[in-house]
PDB file of N, CA and C in Angstrom:
ATOM      1  N   MET A   1    -125.765-187.772  56.023  1.00  0.00           N
ATOM      2  CA  MET A   1    -125.740-187.557  57.516  1.00  0.00           C
ATOM      3  C   MET A   1    -124.765-186.484  57.878  1.00  0.00           C
ATOM      4  N   PRO A   2    -125.134-185.498  58.640  1.00  0.00           N
ATOM      5  CA  PRO A   2    -124.247-184.503  58.971  1.00  0.00           C
ATOM      6  C   PRO A   2    -123.018-184.962  59.783  1.00  0.00           C
ATOM      7  N   ASP A   3    -121.888-184.306  59.615  1.00  0.00           N
ATOM      8  CA  ASP A   3    -120.720-184.718  60.344  1.00  0.00           C
ATOM      9  C   ASP A   3    -120.835-184.329  61.835  1.00  0.00           C
ATOM     10  N   VAL A   4    -120.422-185.254  62.700  1.00  0.00           N
ATOM     11  CA  VAL A   4    -120.531-184.995  64.126  1.00  0.00           C
ATOM     12  C   VAL A   4    -119.774-183.762  64.575  1.00  0.00           C
ATOM     13  N   LEU A   5    -118.643-183.640  64.000  1.00  0.00           N
ATOM     14  CA  LEU A   5    -117.829-182.423  64.315  1.00  0.00           C
ATOM     15  C   LEU A   5    -118.487-181.194  63.906  1.00  0.00           C
ATOM     16  N   ASP A   6    -119.126-181.206  62.859  1.00  0.00           N
ATOM     17  CA  ASP A   6    -119.820-179.982  62.267  1.00  0.00           C
ATOM     18  C   ASP A   6    -121.079-179.690  63.233  1.00  0.00           C
ATOM     19  N   ILE A   7    -121.777-180.734  63.654  1.00  0.00           N
ATOM     20  CA  ILE A   7    -122.889-180.530  64.557  1.00  0.00           C
ATOM     21  C   ILE A   7    -122.455-179.866  65.934  1.00  0.00           C
ATOM     22  N   THR A   8    -121.314-180.491  66.442  1.00  0.00           N
ATOM     23  CA  THR A   8    -120.747-180.006  67.694  1.00  0.00           C
ATOM     24  C   THR A   8    -120.277-178.489  67.503  1.00  0.00           C
ATOM     25  N   LYS A   9    -119.614-178.196  66.369  1.00  0.00           N
ATOM     26  CA  LYS A   9    -119.244-176.824  66.130  1.00  0.00           C
ATOM     27  C   LYS A   9    -120.420-175.984  66.100  1.00  0.00           C
ATOM     28  N   ARG A  10    -121.412-176.249  65.417  1.00  0.00           N
ATOM     29  CA  ARG A  10    -122.689-175.422  65.313  1.00  0.00           C
ATOM     30  C   ARG A  10    -123.306-175.235  66.661  1.00  0.00           C
ATOM     31  N   ALA A  11    -123.291-176.267  67.540  1.00  0.00           N
ATOM     32  CA  ALA A  11    -123.903-176.209  68.849  1.00  0.00           C
ATOM     33  C   ALA A  11    -123.048-175.130  69.734  1.00  0.00           C
ATOM     34  N   LEU A  12    -121.735-175.255  69.604  1.00  0.00           N
ATOM     35  CA  LEU A  12    -120.860-174.385  70.309  1.00  0.00           C
ATOM     36  C   LEU A  12    -121.028-172.895  69.900  1.00  0.00           C
ATOM     37  N   LEU A  13    -121.088-172.685  68.545  1.00  0.00           N
ATOM     38  CA  LEU A  13    -121.288-171.343  68.067  1.00  0.00           C
ATOM     39  C   LEU A  13    -122.633-170.770  68.529  1.00  0.00           C
ATOM     40  N   THR A  14    -123.681-171.638  68.482  1.00  0.00           N
ATOM     41  CA  THR A  14    -124.993-171.144  68.931  1.00  0.00           C
ATOM     42  C   THR A  14    -124.871-170.741  70.401  1.00  0.00           C
ATOM     43  N   GLY A  15    -124.308-171.568  71.146  1.00  0.00           N
ATOM     44  CA  GLY A  15    -124.107-171.218  72.701  1.00  0.00           C
ATOM     45  C   GLY A  15    -123.365-169.881  72.846  1.00  0.00           C
ATOM     46  N   ILE A  16    -122.337-169.702  72.090  1.00  0.00           N
ATOM     47  CA  ILE A  16    -121.599-168.424  72.196  1.00  0.00           C
ATOM     48  C   ILE A  16    -122.454-167.184  71.753  1.00  0.00           C
ATOM     49  N   GLY A  17    -123.186-167.409  70.663  1.00  0.00           N
ATOM     50  CA  GLY A  17    -124.077-166.407  70.178  1.00  0.00           C
ATOM     51  C   GLY A  17    -125.163-165.992  71.231  1.00  0.00           C
ATOM     52  N   LEU A  18    -125.715-167.046  71.971  1.00  0.00           N
ATOM     53  CA  LEU A  18    -126.689-166.816  72.898  1.00  0.00           C
ATOM     54  C   LEU A  18    -126.083-166.052  74.061  1.00  0.00           C
ATOM     55  N   ALA A  19    -124.889-166.371  74.474  1.00  0.00           N
ATOM     56  CA  ALA A  19    -124.245-165.788  75.673  1.00  0.00           C
ATOM     57  C   ALA A  19    -123.901-164.276  75.240  1.00  0.00           C
ATOM     58  N   LEU A  20    -123.491-163.978  74.063  1.00  0.00           N
ATOM     59  CA  LEU A  20    -123.267-162.548  73.743  1.00  0.00           C
ATOM     60  C   LEU A  20    -124.495-161.727  73.746  1.00  0.00           C
ATOM     61  N   THR A  21    -125.586-162.338  73.202  1.00  0.00           N
ATOM     62  CA  THR A  21    -126.845-161.666  73.214  1.00  0.00           C
ATOM     63  C   THR A  21    -127.306-161.468  74.646  1.00  0.00           C
ATOM     64  N   ALA A  22    -127.124-162.346  75.532  1.00  0.00           N
ATOM     65  CA  ALA A  22    -127.566-162.302  76.912  1.00  0.00           C
ATOM     66  C   ALA A  22    -126.830-161.132  77.601  1.00  0.00           C
ATOM     67  N   LYS A  23    -125.400-160.960  77.263  1.00  0.00           N
ATOM     68  CA  LYS A  23    -124.674-159.986  77.929  1.00  0.00           C
ATOM     69  C   LYS A  23    -125.246-158.637  77.417  1.00  0.00           C
ATOM     70  N   ASP A  24    -125.427-158.433  76.251  1.00  0.00           N
ATOM     71  CA  ASP A  24    -125.993-157.184  75.702  1.00  0.00           C
ATOM     72  C   ASP A  24    -127.315-156.814  76.373  1.00  0.00           C
ATOM     73  N   GLU A  25    -128.092-157.811  76.471  1.00  0.00           N
ATOM     74  CA  GLU A  25    -129.527-157.607  77.007  1.00  0.00           C
ATOM     75  C   GLU A  25    -129.322-157.283  78.526  1.00  0.00           C
ATOM     76  N   ALA A  26    -128.477-157.906  79.205  1.00  0.00           N
ATOM     77  CA  ALA A  26    -128.238-157.727  80.678  1.00  0.00           C
ATOM     78  C   ALA A  26    -127.739-156.234  80.840  1.00  0.00           C
ATOM     79  N   GLU A  27    -126.864-155.794  80.036  1.00  0.00           N
ATOM     80  CA  GLU A  27    -126.412-154.484  80.196  1.00  0.00           C
ATOM     81  C   GLU A  27    -127.476-153.442  79.838  1.00  0.00           C
ATOM     82  N   ASP A  28    -128.269-153.692  78.843  1.00  0.00           N
ATOM     83  CA  ASP A  28    -129.346-152.775  78.495  1.00  0.00           C
ATOM     84  C   ASP A  28    -130.344-152.724  79.603  1.00  0.00           C
ATOM     85  N   LEU A  29    -130.702-153.910  80.203  1.00  0.00           N
ATOM     86  CA  LEU A  29    -131.618-153.921  81.333  1.00  0.00           C
ATOM     87  C   LEU A  29    -131.071-153.125  82.546  1.00  0.00           C
ATOM     88  N   ALA A  30    -129.780-153.343  82.759  1.00  0.00           N
ATOM     89  CA  ALA A  30    -129.083-152.570  83.942  1.00  0.00           C
ATOM     90  C   ALA A  30    -129.186-151.130  83.738  1.00  0.00           C
ATOM     91  N   LYS A  31    -128.956-150.664  82.558  1.00  0.00           N
ATOM     92  CA  LYS A  31    -129.004-149.163  82.241  1.00  0.00           C
ATOM     93  C   LYS A  31    -130.454-148.655  82.442  1.00  0.00           C
ATOM     94  N   GLU A  32    -131.391-149.441  81.972  1.00  0.00           N
ATOM     95  CA  GLU A  32    -132.799-149.100  82.043  1.00  0.00           C
ATOM     96  C   GLU A  32    -133.220-149.038  83.602  1.00  0.00           C
ATOM     97  N   LEU A  33    -132.802-150.012  84.357  1.00  0.00           N
ATOM     98  CA  LEU A  33    -133.127-150.093  85.827  1.00  0.00           C
ATOM     99  C   LEU A  33    -132.436-148.862  86.505  1.00  0.00           C
ATOM    100  N   GLU A  34    -131.273-148.456  86.056  1.00  0.00           N
ATOM    101  CA  GLU A  34    -130.480-147.415  86.671  1.00  0.00           C
ATOM    102  C   GLU A  34    -131.277-146.070  86.492  1.00  0.00           C
ATOM    103  N   LYS A  35    -131.830-146.003  85.290  1.00  0.00           N
ATOM    104  CA  LYS A  35    -132.619-144.729  85.089  1.00  0.00           C
ATOM    105  C   LYS A  35    -133.908-144.757  85.897  1.00  0.00           C
ATOM    106  N   LYS A  36    -134.625-145.845  85.893  1.00  0.00           N
ATOM    107  CA  LYS A  36    -135.850-146.015  86.523  1.00  0.00           C
ATOM    108  C   LYS A  36    -135.725-145.905  88.073  1.00  0.00           C
ATOM    109  N   LEU A  37    -134.690-146.313  88.643  1.00  0.00           N
ATOM    110  CA  LEU A  37    -134.409-146.259  90.037  1.00  0.00           C
ATOM    111  C   LEU A  37    -133.718-144.943  90.452  1.00  0.00           C
ATOM    112  N   ASN A  38    -133.559-144.049  89.488  1.00  0.00           N
ATOM    113  CA  ASN A  38    -132.956-142.788  89.747  1.00  0.00           C
ATOM    114  C   ASN A  38    -131.633-142.896  90.534  1.00  0.00           C
ATOM    115  N   LEU A  39    -130.756-143.777  90.067  1.00  0.00           N
ATOM    116  CA  LEU A  39    -129.491-143.885  90.742  1.00  0.00           C
ATOM    117  C   LEU A  39    -128.565-142.775  90.289  1.00  0.00           C
ATOM    118  N   ASN A  40    -127.741-142.331  91.239  1.00  0.00           N
ATOM    119  CA  ASN A  40    -126.704-141.356  90.879  1.00  0.00           C
ATOM    120  C   ASN A  40    -125.610-142.010  90.076  1.00  0.00           C
ATOM    121  N   GLU A  41    -124.679-141.259  89.514  1.00  0.00           N
ATOM    122  CA  GLU A  41    -123.701-141.869  88.708  1.00  0.00           C
ATOM    123  C   GLU A  41    -122.853-142.980  89.339  1.00  0.00           C
ATOM    124  N   GLU A  42    -122.471-142.740  90.584  1.00  0.00           N
ATOM    125  CA  GLU A  42    -121.631-143.640  91.306  1.00  0.00           C
ATOM    126  C   GLU A  42    -122.461-144.950  91.538  1.00  0.00           C
ATOM    127  N   GLU A  43    -123.678-144.789  91.972  1.00  0.00           N
ATOM    128  CA  GLU A  43    -124.497-145.926  92.254  1.00  0.00           C
ATOM    129  C   GLU A  43    -124.713-146.721  90.953  1.00  0.00           C
ATOM    130  N   GLY A  44    -125.001-145.896  89.885  1.00  0.00           N
ATOM    131  CA  GLY A  44    -125.155-146.613  88.554  1.00  0.00           C
ATOM    132  C   GLY A  44    -124.019-147.468  88.065  1.00  0.00           C
ATOM    133  N   LYS A  45    -122.866-146.824  88.298  1.00  0.00           N
ATOM    134  CA  LYS A  45    -121.567-147.499  87.879  1.00  0.00           C
ATOM    135  C   LYS A  45    -121.432-148.807  88.751  1.00  0.00           C
ATOM    136  N   LYS A  46    -121.674-148.695  90.101  1.00  0.00           N
ATOM    137  CA  LYS A  46    -121.643-149.877  90.944  1.00  0.00           C
ATOM    138  C   LYS A  46    -122.555-150.996  90.542  1.00  0.00           C
ATOM    139  N   PHE A  47    -123.826-150.552  90.173  1.00  0.00           N
ATOM    140  CA  PHE A  47    -124.833-151.422  89.712  1.00  0.00           C
ATOM    141  C   PHE A  47    -124.419-152.152  88.542  1.00  0.00           C
ATOM    142  N   LEU A  48    -123.949-151.377  87.514  1.00  0.00           N
ATOM    143  CA  LEU A  48    -123.537-151.986  86.255  1.00  0.00           C
ATOM    144  C   LEU A  48    -122.312-152.963  86.534  1.00  0.00           C
ATOM    145  N   LYS A  49    -121.475-152.618  87.419  1.00  0.00           N
ATOM    146  CA  LYS A  49    -120.255-153.401  87.707  1.00  0.00           C
ATOM    147  C   LYS A  49    -120.697-154.675  88.319  1.00  0.00           C
ATOM    148  N   ASP A  50    -121.731-154.657  89.232  1.00  0.00           N
ATOM    149  CA  ASP A  50    -122.299-155.884  89.886  1.00  0.00           C
ATOM    150  C   ASP A  50    -122.938-156.765  88.839  1.00  0.00           C
ATOM    151  N   ILE A  51    -123.667-156.145  87.877  1.00  0.00           N
ATOM    152  CA  ILE A  51    -124.295-156.953  86.794  1.00  0.00           C
ATOM    153  C   ILE A  51    -123.298-157.625  85.949  1.00  0.00           C
ATOM    154  N   ARG A  52    -122.259-156.876  85.576  1.00  0.00           N
ATOM    155  CA  ARG A  52    -121.265-157.487  84.752  1.00  0.00           C
ATOM    156  C   ARG A  52    -120.423-158.611  85.463  1.00  0.00           C
ATOM    157  N   LYS A  53    -120.271-158.461  86.823  1.00  0.00           N
ATOM    158  CA  LYS A  53    -119.579-159.439  87.508  1.00  0.00           C
ATOM    159  C   LYS A  53    -120.400-160.697  87.627  1.00  0.00           C
ATOM    160  N   ARG A  54    -121.730-160.522  87.828  1.00  0.00           N
ATOM    161  CA  ARG A  54    -122.604-161.709  87.830  1.00  0.00           C
ATOM    162  C   ARG A  54    -122.661-162.390  86.461  1.00  0.00           C
ATOM    163  N   TYR A  55    -122.735-161.489  85.479  1.00  0.00           N
ATOM    164  CA  TYR A  55    -122.757-162.080  84.084  1.00  0.00           C
ATOM    165  C   TYR A  55    -121.397-162.994  83.841  1.00  0.00           C
ATOM    166  N   ASP A  56    -120.278-162.387  84.250  1.00  0.00           N
ATOM    167  CA  ASP A  56    -119.006-162.994  83.954  1.00  0.00           C
ATOM    168  C   ASP A  56    -118.963-164.362  84.746  1.00  0.00           C
ATOM    169  N   GLU A  57    -119.508-164.351  85.991  1.00  0.00           N
ATOM    170  CA  GLU A  57    -119.502-165.625  86.728  1.00  0.00           C
ATOM    171  C   GLU A  57    -120.390-166.656  86.142  1.00  0.00           C
ATOM    172  N   THR A  58    -121.583-166.208  85.668  1.00  0.00           N
ATOM    173  CA  THR A  58    -122.472-167.079  84.953  1.00  0.00           C
ATOM    174  C   THR A  58    -121.952-167.587  83.683  1.00  0.00           C
ATOM    175  N   GLN A  59    -121.266-166.750  82.981  1.00  0.00           N
ATOM    176  CA  GLN A  59    -120.731-167.108  81.613  1.00  0.00           C
ATOM    177  C   GLN A  59    -119.664-168.145  81.887  1.00  0.00           C
ATOM    178  N   SER A  60    -118.826-168.036  82.921  1.00  0.00           N
ATOM    179  CA  SER A  60    -117.770-168.986  83.201  1.00  0.00           C
ATOM    180  C   SER A  60    -118.432-170.364  83.550  1.00  0.00           C
ATOM    181  N   LYS A  61    -119.500-170.321  84.283  1.00  0.00           N
ATOM    182  CA  LYS A  61    -120.173-171.602  84.691  1.00  0.00           C
ATOM    183  C   LYS A  61    -120.747-172.257  83.383  1.00  0.00           C
ATOM    184  N   LEU A  62    -121.326-171.337  82.507  1.00  0.00           N
ATOM    185  CA  LEU A  62    -121.932-171.877  81.250  1.00  0.00           C
ATOM    186  C   LEU A  62    -120.854-172.444  80.377  1.00  0.00           C
ATOM    187  N   GLU A  63    -119.770-171.810  80.247  1.00  0.00           N
ATOM    188  CA  GLU A  63    -118.619-172.387  79.503  1.00  0.00           C
ATOM    189  C   GLU A  63    -118.178-173.759  80.023  1.00  0.00           C
ATOM    190  N   ASP A  64    -118.025-173.878  81.378  1.00  0.00           N
ATOM    191  CA  ASP A  64    -117.694-175.140  81.970  1.00  0.00           C
ATOM    192  C   ASP A  64    -118.723-176.218  81.659  1.00  0.00           C
ATOM    193  N   ARG A  65    -119.961-175.847  81.741  1.00  0.00           N
ATOM    194  CA  ARG A  65    -121.001-176.854  81.430  1.00  0.00           C
ATOM    195  C   ARG A  65    -120.954-177.279  79.972  1.00  0.00           C
ATOM    196  N   VAL A  66    -120.765-176.323  79.057  1.00  0.00           N
ATOM    197  CA  VAL A  66    -120.698-176.677  77.589  1.00  0.00           C
ATOM    198  C   VAL A  66    -119.474-177.503  77.367  1.00  0.00           C
ATOM    199  N   GLU A  67    -118.336-177.206  77.997  1.00  0.00           N
ATOM    200  CA  GLU A  67    -117.123-177.978  77.782  1.00  0.00           C
ATOM    201  C   GLU A  67    -117.328-179.340  78.288  1.00  0.00           C
ATOM    202  N   LYS A  68    -117.923-179.549  79.501  1.00  0.00           N
ATOM    203  CA  LYS A  68    -118.165-180.853  79.982  1.00  0.00           C
ATOM    204  C   LYS A  68    -119.172-181.601  79.114  1.00  0.00           C
ATOM    205  N   SER A  69    -120.210-180.923  78.666  1.00  0.00           N
ATOM    206  CA  SER A  69    -121.129-181.602  77.803  1.00  0.00           C
ATOM    207  C   SER A  69    -120.544-182.191  76.494  1.00  0.00           C
ATOM    208  N   VAL A  70    -119.713-181.294  75.882  1.00  0.00           N
ATOM    209  CA  VAL A  70    -119.098-181.632  74.545  1.00  0.00           C
ATOM    210  C   VAL A  70    -118.151-182.795  74.796  1.00  0.00           C
ATOM    211  N   LYS A  71    -117.428-182.836  75.966  1.00  0.00           N
ATOM    212  CA  LYS A  71    -116.469-183.993  76.281  1.00  0.00           C
ATOM    213  C   LYS A  71    -117.304-185.257  76.468  1.00  0.00           C
ATOM    214  N   GLU A  72    -118.388-185.164  77.169  1.00  0.00           N
ATOM    215  CA  GLU A  72    -119.273-186.361  77.367  1.00  0.00           C
ATOM    216  C   GLU A  72    -119.797-186.785  76.083  1.00  0.00           C
ATOM    217  N   PHE A  73    -120.189-185.902  75.248  1.00  0.00           N
ATOM    218  CA  PHE A  73    -120.748-186.185  73.835  1.00  0.00           C
ATOM    219  C   PHE A  73    -119.718-186.908  72.960  1.00  0.00           C
ATOM    220  N   LEU A  74    -118.462-186.373  73.013  1.00  0.00           N
ATOM    221  CA  LEU A  74    -117.418-186.956  72.229  1.00  0.00           C
ATOM    222  C   LEU A  74    -117.072-188.417  72.710  1.00  0.00           C
ATOM    223  N   LYS A  75    -117.134-188.492  74.059  1.00  0.00           N
ATOM    224  CA  LYS A  75    -116.874-189.803  74.622  1.00  0.00           C
ATOM    225  C   LYS A  75    -117.944-190.816  74.242  1.00  0.00           C
ATOM    226  N   LYS A  76    -119.203-190.446  74.359  1.00  0.00           N
ATOM    227  CA  LYS A  76    -120.326-191.316  73.929  1.00  0.00           C
ATOM    228  C   LYS A  76    -120.260-191.617  72.501  1.00  0.00           C
ATOM    229  N   ALA A  77    -119.920-190.611  71.649  1.00  0.00           N
ATOM    230  CA  ALA A  77    -119.829-190.875  70.261  1.00  0.00           C
ATOM    231  C   ALA A  77    -118.546-191.595  69.774  1.00  0.00           C
ATOM    232  N   ASP A  78    -117.708-191.883  70.825  1.00  0.00           N
ATOM    233  CA  ASP A  78    -116.507-192.629  70.615  1.00  0.00           C
ATOM    234  C   ASP A  78    -115.569-191.944  69.604  1.00  0.00           C
ATOM    235  N   ILE A  79    -115.378-190.587  69.828  1.00  0.00           N
ATOM    236  CA  ILE A  79    -114.520-189.782  68.967  1.00  0.00           C
ATOM    237  C   ILE A  79    -113.317-189.413  69.872  1.00  0.00           C
ATOM    238  N   VAL A  80    -112.179-189.573  69.244  1.00  0.00           N
ATOM    239  CA  VAL A  80    -110.806-189.386  69.920  1.00  0.00           C
ATOM    240  C   VAL A  80    -110.681-187.920  69.979  1.00  0.00           C
ATOM    241  N   THR A  81    -110.223-187.385  71.110  1.00  0.00           N
ATOM    242  CA  THR A  81    -109.864-186.020  71.323  1.00  0.00           C
ATOM    243  C   THR A  81    -108.383-185.815  70.923  1.00  0.00           C
ATOM    244  N   SER A  82    -108.009-184.588  70.700  1.00  0.00           N
ATOM    245  CA  SER A  82    -106.590-184.244  70.399  1.00  0.00           C
ATOM    246  C   SER A  82    -105.728-184.691  71.477  1.00  0.00           C
ATOM    247  N   ASP A  83    -106.169-184.452  72.749  1.00  0.00           N
ATOM    248  CA  ASP A  83    -105.356-184.858  73.992  1.00  0.00           C
ATOM    249  C   ASP A  83    -105.137-186.393  73.977  1.00  0.00           C
ATOM    250  N   GLU A  84    -106.185-187.087  73.745  1.00  0.00           N
ATOM    251  CA  GLU A  84    -106.156-188.540  73.659  1.00  0.00           C
ATOM    252  C   GLU A  84    -105.172-189.029  72.526  1.00  0.00           C
ATOM    253  N   LEU A  85    -105.245-188.413  71.409  1.00  0.00           N
ATOM    254  CA  LEU A  85    -104.324-188.748  70.342  1.00  0.00           C
ATOM    255  C   LEU A  85    -102.894-188.448  70.626  1.00  0.00           C
ATOM    256  N   LYS A  86    -102.648-187.284  71.261  1.00  0.00           N
ATOM    257  CA  LYS A  86    -101.351-187.020  71.692  1.00  0.00           C
ATOM    258  C   LYS A  86    -100.763-187.980  72.664  1.00  0.00           C
ATOM    259  N   ALA A  87    -101.605-188.419  73.641  1.00  0.00           N
ATOM    260  CA  ALA A  87    -101.255-189.379  74.616  1.00  0.00           C
ATOM    261  C   ALA A  87    -100.818-190.755  73.984  1.00  0.00           C
ATOM    262  N   LEU A  88    -101.672-191.133  72.951  1.00  0.00           N
ATOM    263  CA  LEU A  88    -101.340-192.395  72.268  1.00  0.00           C
ATOM    264  C   LEU A  88    -100.071-192.247  71.473  1.00  0.00           C
ATOM    265  N   LYS A  89     -99.802-191.112  70.855  1.00  0.00           N
ATOM    266  CA  LYS A  89     -98.544-190.955  70.078  1.00  0.00           C
ATOM    267  C   LYS A  89     -97.390-191.006  71.017  1.00  0.00           C
ATOM    268  N   LYS A  90     -97.508-190.460  72.190  1.00  0.00           N
ATOM    269  CA  LYS A  90     -96.414-190.434  73.113  1.00  0.00           C
ATOM    270  C   LYS A  90     -96.121-191.968  73.648  1.00  0.00           C
ATOM    271  N   GLU A  91     -97.259-192.618  73.884  1.00  0.00           N
ATOM    272  CA  GLU A  91     -97.197-194.016  74.321  1.00  0.00           C
ATOM    273  C   GLU A  91     -96.426-194.870  73.240  1.00  0.00           C
ATOM    274  N   ILE A  92     -96.812-194.681  72.005  1.00  0.00           N
ATOM    275  CA  ILE A  92     -96.205-195.323  70.899  1.00  0.00           C
ATOM    276  C   ILE A  92     -94.741-195.039  70.724  1.00  0.00           C
ATOM    277  N   ARG A  93     -94.287-193.774  71.046  1.00  0.00           N
ATOM    278  CA  ARG A  93     -92.907-193.404  70.952  1.00  0.00           C
ATOM    279  C   ARG A  93     -92.168-194.070  72.139  1.00  0.00           C
ATOM    280  N   ASP A  94     -92.713-194.006  73.368  1.00  0.00           N
ATOM    281  CA  ASP A  94     -92.175-194.665  74.433  1.00  0.00           C
ATOM    282  C   ASP A  94     -91.949-196.246  74.269  1.00  0.00           C
ATOM    283  N   LEU A  95     -93.002-196.852  73.714  1.00  0.00           N
ATOM    284  CA  LEU A  95     -92.902-198.312  73.387  1.00  0.00           C
ATOM    285  C   LEU A  95     -91.812-198.621  72.359  1.00  0.00           C
ATOM    286  N   LYS A  96     -91.714-197.734  71.358  1.00  0.00           N
ATOM    287  CA  LYS A  96     -90.653-197.918  70.340  1.00  0.00           C
ATOM    288  C   LYS A  96     -89.230-197.836  70.982  1.00  0.00           C
ATOM    289  N   GLN A  97     -89.132-196.865  71.851  1.00  0.00           N
ATOM    290  CA  GLN A  97     -87.860-196.692  72.549  1.00  0.00           C
ATOM    291  C   GLN A  97     -87.524-197.894  73.481  1.00  0.00           C
ATOM    292  N   THR A  98     -88.513-198.401  74.170  1.00  0.00           N
ATOM    293  CA  THR A  98     -88.333-199.594  74.974  1.00  0.00           C
ATOM    294  C   THR A  98     -87.973-200.868  74.041  1.00  0.00           C
ATOM    295  N   ILE A  99     -88.697-200.986  73.008  1.00  0.00           N
ATOM    296  CA  ILE A  99     -88.344-202.014  72.041  1.00  0.00           C
ATOM    297  C   ILE A  99     -86.935-202.041  71.541  1.00  0.00           C
ATOM    298  N   ASN A 100     -86.663-200.784  71.092  1.00  0.00           N
ATOM    299  CA  ASN A 100     -85.250-200.621  70.515  1.00  0.00           C
ATOM    300  C   ASN A 100     -84.139-200.935  71.543  1.00  0.00           C
ATOM    301  N   LYS A 101     -84.404-200.403  72.835  1.00  0.00           N
ATOM    302  CA  LYS A 101     -83.410-200.672  73.855  1.00  0.00           C
ATOM    303  C   LYS A 101     -83.242-202.110  74.165  1.00  0.00           C
ATOM    304  N   THR A 102     -84.388-202.770  74.222  1.00  0.00           N
ATOM    305  CA  THR A 102     -84.421-204.266  74.586  1.00  0.00           C
ATOM    306  C   THR A 102     -83.805-205.048  73.475  1.00  0.00           C
ATOM    307  N   ALA A 103     -84.060-204.655  72.229  1.00  0.00           N
ATOM    308  CA  ALA A 103     -83.654-205.432  71.090  1.00  0.00           C
ATOM    309  C   ALA A 103     -82.156-205.029  70.712  1.00  0.00           C
ATOM    310  N   GLY A 104     -81.677-203.982  71.374  1.00  0.00           N
ATOM    311  CA  GLY A 104     -80.356-203.500  70.990  1.00  0.00           C
ATOM    312  C   GLY A 104     -80.331-202.776  69.649  1.00  0.00           C
ATOM    313  N   GLY A 105     -81.390-202.403  69.148  1.00  0.00           N
ATOM    314  CA  GLY A 105     -81.487-201.727  67.857  1.00  0.00           C
ATOM    315  C   GLY A 105     -81.244-200.211  68.034  1.00  0.00           C
ATOM    316  N   THR A 106     -81.419-199.499  66.956  1.00  0.00           N
ATOM    317  CA  THR A 106     -81.276-198.065  66.907  1.00  0.00           C
ATOM    318  C   THR A 106     -82.700-197.489  66.922  1.00  0.00           C
ATOM    319  N   GLU A 107     -82.848-196.278  67.430  1.00  0.00           N
ATOM    320  CA  GLU A 107     -84.152-195.549  67.456  1.00  0.00           C
ATOM    321  C   GLU A 107     -84.376-195.021  66.148  1.00  0.00           C
ATOM    322  N   ASP A 108     -85.799-195.028  65.714  1.00  0.00           N
ATOM    323  CA  ASP A 108     -86.101-194.443  64.410  1.00  0.00           C
ATOM    324  C   ASP A 108     -86.193-192.974  64.476  1.00  0.00           C
TER     325      ASP A 108
END
């Protein structure tokens, strides 16, 4: 059975690959439209800038969705995240300190 982390990693890499391909295609389409619409250089640059801005906004939204989906998947799969592990370690340290202070012992 494939490792859950490996599957998640592959899914993320696939998403990144698709996003990069989409960016290249969007820029190619923008350049093609610039030529077909007979835009002057300034209008063409503005058009490309607008396309890139929209792409960046869409990319950011996509990244947020992927991150949310991965977090939900990890939660459903009952996999501990590094943040959760760090929080547990901190809680254990705090509990040890409290126990040591209460028992009058020394801290490890």
